[in-house]
N, C-alpha and C. Protein backbone atom coordinates (compact mmCIF):
# COMPACT_ATOMS: atom_id res chain seq x y z
N UNK A 1 1.05 -1.30 0.16
CA UNK A 1 0.08 -0.28 -0.20
C UNK A 1 0.34 1.23 -0.37
N UNK A 2 0.72 2.61 -0.60
CA UNK A 2 1.09 3.56 -0.70
C UNK A 2 0.85 4.57 -0.35
N UNK A 3 1.24 5.60 0.47
CA UNK A 3 0.54 6.37 1.21
C UNK A 3 1.43 8.37 1.27
N UNK A 4 0.10 8.98 0.82
CA UNK A 4 0.88 9.98 0.25
C UNK A 4 1.08 11.07 1.01
N UNK A 5 1.78 12.22 0.90
CA UNK A 5 1.88 13.24 1.69
C UNK A 5 2.23 14.22 0.53
N UNK A 6 1.51 15.60 0.79
CA UNK A 6 1.98 16.92 0.25
C UNK A 6 1.94 17.76 1.51
N UNK A 7 2.36 18.97 0.78
CA UNK A 7 2.41 20.00 1.71
C UNK A 7 3.48 21.30 1.31
N UNK A 8 2.96 22.15 1.65
CA UNK A 8 3.89 23.96 1.72
C UNK A 8 5.21 23.61 3.12
N UNK A 9 6.22 24.03 2.87
CA UNK A 9 6.73 24.64 3.66
C UNK A 9 7.67 25.58 3.41
N UNK A 10 7.01 26.11 4.84
CA UNK A 10 8.42 27.84 4.78
C UNK A 10 9.49 27.48 4.73
N UNK A 11 10.80 28.72 4.60
CA UNK A 11 11.83 28.47 4.21
C UNK A 11 12.42 28.41 5.92
N UNK A 12 13.24 27.58 6.10
CA UNK A 12 13.80 27.82 7.29
C UNK A 12 12.90 26.54 8.69
N UNK A 13 11.99 26.19 7.90
CA UNK A 13 10.85 25.10 8.74
C UNK A 13 11.02 24.16 8.45
N UNK A 14 10.01 23.24 9.58
CA UNK A 14 10.15 22.09 9.58
C UNK A 14 8.84 20.95 9.67
N UNK A 15 8.41 19.78 9.40
CA UNK A 15 7.19 19.45 9.53
C UNK A 15 7.31 17.66 9.94
N UNK A 16 6.14 17.56 10.87
CA UNK A 16 6.59 16.33 11.40
C UNK A 16 5.65 15.48 10.89
N UNK A 17 6.01 14.71 10.05
CA UNK A 17 4.43 13.45 9.72
C UNK A 17 4.53 12.18 10.28
N UNK A 18 3.51 11.96 10.80
CA UNK A 18 2.95 11.18 12.12
C UNK A 18 3.02 9.71 11.41
N UNK A 19 3.82 8.74 12.04
CA UNK A 19 3.67 7.27 11.35
C UNK A 19 3.36 6.05 12.69
N UNK A 20 4.00 6.81 13.79
CA UNK A 20 4.24 5.50 14.53
C UNK A 20 3.02 4.84 14.95
N UNK A 21 3.41 3.75 15.26
CA UNK A 21 1.99 3.10 15.55
C UNK A 21 2.27 2.62 17.05
N UNK A 22 1.32 2.20 17.40
CA UNK A 22 1.17 1.33 19.18
C UNK A 22 2.49 0.28 18.88
N UNK A 23 2.02 -0.82 18.02
CA UNK A 23 2.32 -2.10 17.94
C UNK A 23 3.84 -1.71 17.33
N UNK A 24 4.31 -0.68 16.24
CA UNK A 24 5.03 -0.71 15.50
C UNK A 24 5.48 -1.98 14.33
N UNK A 25 4.54 -2.62 14.01
CA UNK A 25 4.72 -3.77 13.01
C UNK A 25 4.32 -3.17 11.81
N UNK A 26 4.22 -1.49 11.56
CA UNK A 26 4.03 -0.76 10.43
C UNK A 26 5.50 -0.43 10.00
N UNK A 27 6.10 -0.65 8.67
CA UNK A 27 7.37 -0.08 8.54
C UNK A 27 7.13 0.64 7.32
N UNK A 28 8.10 1.62 6.61
CA UNK A 28 7.64 2.62 5.76
C UNK A 28 9.09 2.80 4.90
N UNK A 29 8.86 2.59 3.68
CA UNK A 29 9.91 3.14 2.78
C UNK A 29 9.72 4.12 1.87
N UNK A 30 10.82 4.99 1.66
CA UNK A 30 10.52 5.92 0.62
C UNK A 30 10.21 5.34 -1.00
N UNK A 31 9.57 5.94 -1.49
CA UNK A 31 9.14 5.45 -2.60
C UNK A 31 9.56 6.87 -4.12
N UNK A 32 9.04 7.98 -3.84
CA UNK A 32 8.87 9.22 -4.36
C UNK A 32 9.30 10.22 -3.31
N UNK A 33 9.91 10.92 -4.27
CA UNK A 33 10.10 12.22 -3.47
C UNK A 33 10.42 13.40 -4.58
N UNK A 34 9.86 14.14 -4.42
CA UNK A 34 9.42 15.88 -5.27
C UNK A 34 9.40 16.86 -4.76
N UNK A 35 9.67 18.07 -5.00
CA UNK A 35 9.33 19.29 -4.94
C UNK A 35 8.97 19.92 -6.21
N UNK A 36 8.11 21.33 -5.89
CA UNK A 36 7.42 22.10 -6.67
C UNK A 36 7.73 23.31 -6.42
N UNK A 37 8.22 24.18 -6.55
CA UNK A 37 7.65 25.45 -6.42
C UNK A 37 7.08 26.43 -5.97
N UNK A 38 6.54 27.38 -5.92
CA UNK A 38 5.08 28.04 -5.61
C UNK A 38 4.70 28.80 -6.58
N UNK A 39 5.63 28.95 -7.08
CA UNK A 39 5.27 30.12 -8.40
C UNK A 39 6.64 29.82 -9.28
N UNK A 40 5.92 30.33 -10.80
CA UNK A 40 7.28 29.96 -11.72
C UNK A 40 8.22 32.02 -12.06
N UNK A 41 7.60 32.49 -11.12
CA UNK A 41 8.03 33.97 -10.57
C UNK A 41 8.69 33.89 -9.45
N UNK A 42 9.61 32.89 -9.45
CA UNK A 42 10.10 32.45 -8.05
C UNK A 42 11.73 32.15 -8.17
N UNK A 43 12.72 32.95 -7.37
CA UNK A 43 13.88 32.78 -7.50
C UNK A 43 14.45 31.96 -6.04
N UNK A 44 15.14 30.93 -6.28
CA UNK A 44 15.03 29.93 -4.74
C UNK A 44 16.61 28.89 -5.47
N UNK A 45 17.01 28.39 -4.34
CA UNK A 45 18.31 27.58 -3.98
C UNK A 45 17.89 27.02 -2.68
N UNK A 46 17.67 25.95 -2.98
CA UNK A 46 17.24 25.22 -1.44
C UNK A 46 17.68 23.85 -1.12
N UNK A 47 17.55 23.67 0.04
CA UNK A 47 17.48 21.89 0.04
C UNK A 47 16.31 21.90 0.82
N UNK A 48 15.71 20.39 0.68
CA UNK A 48 14.80 19.48 1.17
C UNK A 48 15.43 18.90 2.04
N UNK A 49 15.22 18.10 3.12
CA UNK A 49 15.64 16.86 3.57
C UNK A 49 14.64 16.35 4.66
N UNK A 50 14.80 15.00 4.28
CA UNK A 50 13.93 14.14 5.60
C UNK A 50 14.90 13.46 6.21
N UNK A 51 14.51 13.62 7.88
CA UNK A 51 15.41 12.61 8.71
C UNK A 51 14.18 11.92 9.45
N UNK A 52 14.74 11.15 9.59
CA UNK A 52 14.09 10.04 10.83
C UNK A 52 13.98 10.36 12.36
N UNK A 53 14.66 11.16 12.59
CA UNK A 53 14.35 12.05 14.12
C UNK A 53 14.40 13.42 14.03
N UNK A 54 14.21 14.64 14.69
CA UNK A 54 14.07 16.00 14.70
C UNK A 54 15.13 16.37 14.55
N UNK A 55 15.19 16.69 13.67
CA UNK A 55 16.84 17.96 13.60
C UNK A 55 16.96 19.01 13.98
N UNK A 56 18.00 19.28 14.72
CA UNK A 56 18.31 20.11 15.51
C UNK A 56 17.61 21.84 15.31
N UNK A 57 18.50 21.75 14.02
CA UNK A 57 18.63 22.53 13.56
C UNK A 57 18.26 23.16 11.69
N UNK A 58 17.58 23.52 11.05
CA UNK A 58 17.20 23.90 9.31
C UNK A 58 18.10 24.35 8.38
N UNK A 59 18.93 23.52 8.29
CA UNK A 59 20.11 24.09 7.21
C UNK A 59 20.14 23.52 5.98
N UNK A 60 20.66 24.48 5.13
CA UNK A 60 21.09 24.44 3.57
C UNK A 60 21.73 23.43 3.48
N UNK A 61 22.87 23.11 3.89
CA UNK A 61 23.83 22.11 3.88
C UNK A 61 23.55 20.44 3.67
N UNK A 62 23.95 19.30 2.81
CA UNK A 62 23.41 18.10 2.97
C UNK A 62 24.63 17.49 3.96
N UNK A 63 24.44 16.49 4.69
CA UNK A 63 25.37 15.70 4.99
C UNK A 63 25.09 14.47 4.69
N UNK A 64 25.48 13.58 3.96
CA UNK A 64 25.36 12.13 3.78
C UNK A 64 25.84 11.45 4.84
N UNK A 65 26.74 11.38 5.64
CA UNK A 65 27.16 10.83 6.82
C UNK A 65 26.33 10.86 7.93
N UNK A 66 25.32 11.77 8.22
CA UNK A 66 24.08 12.01 8.95
C UNK A 66 23.67 10.65 8.80
N UNK A 67 23.27 9.62 9.58
CA UNK A 67 22.59 8.54 9.56
C UNK A 67 21.52 8.54 9.54
N UNK A 68 20.74 9.93 10.37
CA UNK A 68 19.36 10.18 10.59
C UNK A 68 19.00 10.55 8.90
N UNK A 69 19.25 11.19 8.13
CA UNK A 69 18.91 11.60 7.10
C UNK A 69 18.42 10.98 5.81
N UNK A 70 17.13 10.49 5.67
CA UNK A 70 16.65 9.42 4.86
C UNK A 70 16.68 9.92 3.43
N UNK A 71 16.75 11.21 3.33
CA UNK A 71 16.54 11.81 1.84
C UNK A 71 16.80 13.37 2.01
N UNK A 72 17.03 13.72 0.44
CA UNK A 72 17.73 15.01 0.41
C UNK A 72 17.52 15.42 -0.81
N UNK A 73 17.46 16.75 -1.10
CA UNK A 73 16.26 17.52 -2.22
C UNK A 73 17.41 18.77 -2.76
N UNK A 74 18.05 18.97 -3.75
CA UNK A 74 18.49 20.34 -3.55
C UNK A 74 17.32 20.73 -4.93
N UNK A 75 17.10 22.04 -4.67
CA UNK A 75 15.92 22.64 -5.66
C UNK A 75 16.61 24.12 -6.30
N UNK A 76 16.73 24.65 -7.64
CA UNK A 76 16.93 25.72 -7.85
C UNK A 76 16.04 26.51 -9.00
N UNK A 77 15.65 27.61 -8.66
CA UNK A 77 14.75 28.11 -10.16
C UNK A 77 15.15 29.12 -10.30
N UNK A 78 14.72 30.63 -10.93
CA UNK A 78 15.18 31.55 -11.02
C UNK A 78 14.18 32.26 -12.23
N UNK A 79 13.49 32.82 -11.55
CA UNK A 79 12.43 33.91 -12.35
C UNK A 79 12.91 34.42 -13.76
N UNK A 80 14.35 34.42 -13.71
CA UNK A 80 15.21 35.48 -15.36
C UNK A 80 14.27 34.45 -15.86
N UNK A 81 14.81 32.72 -15.73
CA UNK A 81 14.12 31.56 -17.13
C UNK A 81 13.43 30.72 -16.16
N UNK A 82 12.21 31.22 -16.77
CA UNK A 82 10.87 30.40 -16.23
C UNK A 82 11.10 29.33 -16.83
N UNK A 83 10.66 27.89 -16.13
CA UNK A 83 10.48 27.04 -16.89
C UNK A 83 11.31 26.40 -17.02
N UNK A 84 12.78 26.73 -15.99
CA UNK A 84 14.18 25.86 -16.07
C UNK A 84 14.06 25.68 -14.71
N UNK A 85 13.68 25.28 -14.02
CA UNK A 85 13.41 24.69 -12.86
C UNK A 85 14.55 23.10 -12.52
N UNK A 86 15.52 22.74 -11.42
CA UNK A 86 16.17 21.94 -11.75
C UNK A 86 16.24 21.59 -10.28
N UNK A 87 16.16 20.01 -10.25
CA UNK A 87 15.94 19.33 -8.76
C UNK A 87 16.42 17.83 -8.80
N UNK A 88 17.25 17.97 -7.58
CA UNK A 88 17.97 16.30 -7.84
C UNK A 88 17.47 15.92 -6.42
N UNK A 89 17.02 14.61 -6.76
CA UNK A 89 16.30 14.30 -5.46
C UNK A 89 17.33 13.04 -5.10
N UNK A 90 17.98 12.63 -3.80
CA UNK A 90 18.65 11.36 -3.68
C UNK A 90 17.60 10.76 -1.82
N UNK A 91 17.18 9.25 -2.17
CA UNK A 91 16.87 8.79 -0.61
C UNK A 91 17.08 7.22 -0.72
N UNK A 92 17.52 7.32 0.34
CA UNK A 92 17.62 5.86 0.75
C UNK A 92 16.27 4.99 0.94
N UNK A 93 16.96 3.42 0.66
CA UNK A 93 15.98 2.35 0.91
C UNK A 93 15.48 1.83 2.35
N UNK A 94 15.69 2.90 2.89
CA UNK A 94 15.75 2.14 4.36
C UNK A 94 14.51 2.06 5.15
N UNK A 95 13.99 1.11 6.20
CA UNK A 95 13.01 0.78 6.20
C UNK A 95 12.90 1.61 7.28
N UNK A 96 11.58 2.43 7.85
CA UNK A 96 11.75 2.91 9.51
C UNK A 96 9.73 2.99 9.93
N UNK A 97 9.90 3.37 11.29
CA UNK A 97 8.74 2.78 11.75
C UNK A 97 8.35 3.82 12.52
N UNK A 98 9.17 5.10 12.51
CA UNK A 98 8.66 6.12 13.99
C UNK A 98 8.53 7.32 12.79
N UNK A 99 7.64 8.68 13.39
CA UNK A 99 7.54 9.43 13.13
C UNK A 99 9.15 9.87 11.88
N UNK A 100 8.53 11.25 11.01
CA UNK A 100 10.03 11.69 10.38
C UNK A 100 9.40 13.30 10.15
N UNK A 101 10.80 13.48 9.69
CA UNK A 101 10.55 15.17 10.00
C UNK A 101 11.34 15.90 8.31
N UNK A 102 10.26 16.66 7.85
CA UNK A 102 10.70 17.20 6.08
C UNK A 102 11.39 18.63 6.39
N UNK A 103 12.01 18.98 5.91
CA UNK A 103 12.44 20.29 6.59
C UNK A 103 12.88 21.10 5.07
N UNK A 104 12.84 21.99 4.42
CA UNK A 104 13.35 23.02 3.48
C UNK A 104 13.61 24.46 4.52
N UNK A 105 14.91 25.01 3.47
CA UNK A 105 15.57 25.97 3.84
C UNK A 105 16.85 26.34 2.70
N UNK A 106 16.39 27.70 1.81
CA UNK A 106 16.99 28.19 1.00
C UNK A 106 17.44 29.44 1.70
N UNK A 107 17.84 30.26 0.65
CA UNK A 107 18.66 31.71 0.28
C UNK A 107 17.95 32.77 0.11
N UNK A 108 16.30 32.32 -0.10
CA UNK A 108 15.81 33.56 -0.85
C UNK A 108 14.58 33.58 0.44
N UNK A 109 14.52 32.86 1.20
CA UNK A 109 13.11 32.70 2.14
C UNK A 109 11.84 32.39 1.01
N UNK A 110 11.78 31.68 0.35
CA UNK A 110 11.08 31.43 -0.67
C UNK A 110 10.06 29.67 -0.03
N UNK A 111 8.87 29.75 -0.19
CA UNK A 111 8.20 28.47 0.59
C UNK A 111 8.66 27.64 -0.68
N UNK A 112 8.17 26.13 -0.73
CA UNK A 112 7.98 24.53 -1.04
C UNK A 112 7.10 24.16 -0.95
N UNK A 113 6.68 23.38 -1.78
CA UNK A 113 5.73 22.65 -1.82
C UNK A 113 6.65 20.94 -1.99
N UNK A 114 5.93 19.93 -1.72
CA UNK A 114 6.43 18.49 -1.63
C UNK A 114 5.65 17.46 -1.73
N UNK A 115 6.41 16.35 -2.19
CA UNK A 115 5.10 15.25 -2.79
C UNK A 115 5.81 14.61 -2.27
N UNK A 116 5.38 13.62 -1.55
CA UNK A 116 6.30 12.09 -0.39
C UNK A 116 5.56 10.87 -0.82
N UNK A 117 5.59 9.86 -1.29
CA UNK A 117 5.30 8.67 -1.34
C UNK A 117 5.95 7.59 -0.66
N UNK A 118 5.04 7.28 0.29
CA UNK A 118 5.79 6.15 1.30
C UNK A 118 4.89 4.70 1.24
N UNK A 119 5.78 2.94 0.73
CA UNK A 119 5.53 2.42 0.43
C UNK A 119 5.85 1.99 2.07
N UNK A 120 4.21 1.21 2.59
CA UNK A 120 3.63 0.53 3.32
C UNK A 120 3.87 -0.96 3.97
N UNK A 121 4.66 -1.49 4.53
CA UNK A 121 5.02 -2.96 4.29
C UNK A 121 4.53 -3.27 6.05
N UNK A 122 4.24 -4.27 6.08
CA UNK A 122 4.32 -5.24 7.34
C UNK A 122 5.03 -6.00 7.65
N UNK A 123 5.50 -5.42 9.23
CA UNK A 123 6.75 -6.20 9.81
C UNK A 123 5.99 -7.05 10.98
N UNK A 124 7.00 -8.42 10.75
CA UNK A 124 6.59 -9.47 11.78
C UNK A 124 8.02 -9.16 12.83
N UNK A 125 7.49 -9.63 14.56
CA UNK A 125 8.07 -8.83 15.72
C UNK A 125 9.25 -8.98 15.62
N UNK A 126 10.34 -9.57 14.20
CA UNK A 126 11.81 -9.85 14.46
C UNK A 126 12.14 -8.69 13.66
N UNK A 127 11.67 -8.87 12.81
CA UNK A 127 11.67 -6.98 11.59
C UNK A 127 11.66 -5.58 12.68
N UNK A 128 9.94 -5.93 13.09
CA UNK A 128 10.19 -4.81 14.30
C UNK A 128 10.93 -4.19 15.39
N UNK A 129 11.37 -5.40 15.63
CA UNK A 129 12.14 -5.09 16.88
C UNK A 129 13.32 -4.72 15.84
N UNK A 130 13.73 -5.09 14.73
CA UNK A 130 15.62 -4.51 14.83
C UNK A 130 15.22 -3.45 13.82
N UNK A 131 13.87 -2.98 12.98
CA UNK A 131 13.57 -1.59 12.71
C UNK A 131 13.80 -0.48 14.06
N UNK A 132 13.42 -1.03 14.93
CA UNK A 132 13.23 -0.30 16.40
C UNK A 132 14.78 -0.02 16.99
N UNK A 133 15.22 -1.04 16.76
CA UNK A 133 16.87 -0.94 17.56
C UNK A 133 17.60 0.24 16.67
N UNK A 134 17.55 -0.36 15.14
CA UNK A 134 18.23 0.91 14.29
C UNK A 134 18.30 2.57 14.49
N UNK A 135 16.80 2.74 14.49
CA UNK A 135 16.22 4.24 14.87
C UNK A 135 16.60 4.24 16.29
N UNK A 136 16.63 3.58 16.74
CA UNK A 136 17.37 4.23 18.71
C UNK A 136 18.74 4.46 18.72
N UNK A 137 19.45 3.28 17.46
CA UNK A 137 21.26 3.47 17.62
C UNK A 137 21.42 4.76 16.41
N UNK A 138 20.43 4.90 15.34
CA UNK A 138 20.77 6.20 14.91
C UNK A 138 20.66 7.65 15.70
N UNK A 139 19.26 7.42 16.42
CA UNK A 139 19.32 8.62 17.31
C UNK A 139 20.19 8.99 17.88
N UNK A 140 21.01 7.68 18.58
CA UNK A 140 22.09 8.18 19.72
C UNK A 140 23.76 8.06 18.92
N UNK A 141 23.80 8.21 18.10
CA UNK A 141 24.63 8.62 17.05
C UNK A 141 25.36 9.96 16.60
N UNK A 142 26.56 10.05 16.72
CA UNK A 142 27.18 11.49 16.33
C UNK A 142 27.63 12.05 15.68
N UNK A 143 27.17 12.75 14.67
CA UNK A 143 27.86 13.00 13.29
C UNK A 143 28.26 14.30 13.37
């Protein structure tokens, strides 16, 4: 089953996507992650990232050594050349069962729309325990 999420983020903001269940027997994997500017008359360059734990700061830099980062996207558009928006999106195939956090930050204080598809996966007891332990370990990792 695929679950979809879409919203708009202010620059420097983050949103929580609630996924956590009581038993923890449902896992998720990112299938699609896309960005779309608010207007073709907008100049922006920024990054949108998805984390497995709430980040302490919303930055424009991307650090692939951060074990809590599940996806990253760089987006650029210029009002001087409408229709030439560029986007690079990379996401991990990691299975997670906890809430995730999506952030957007750019240098122009522009808003950004996102679209996210998550594949829902049923987990047995052993898989659920492994996902929970991995989330716990990543939460306590120094990057």
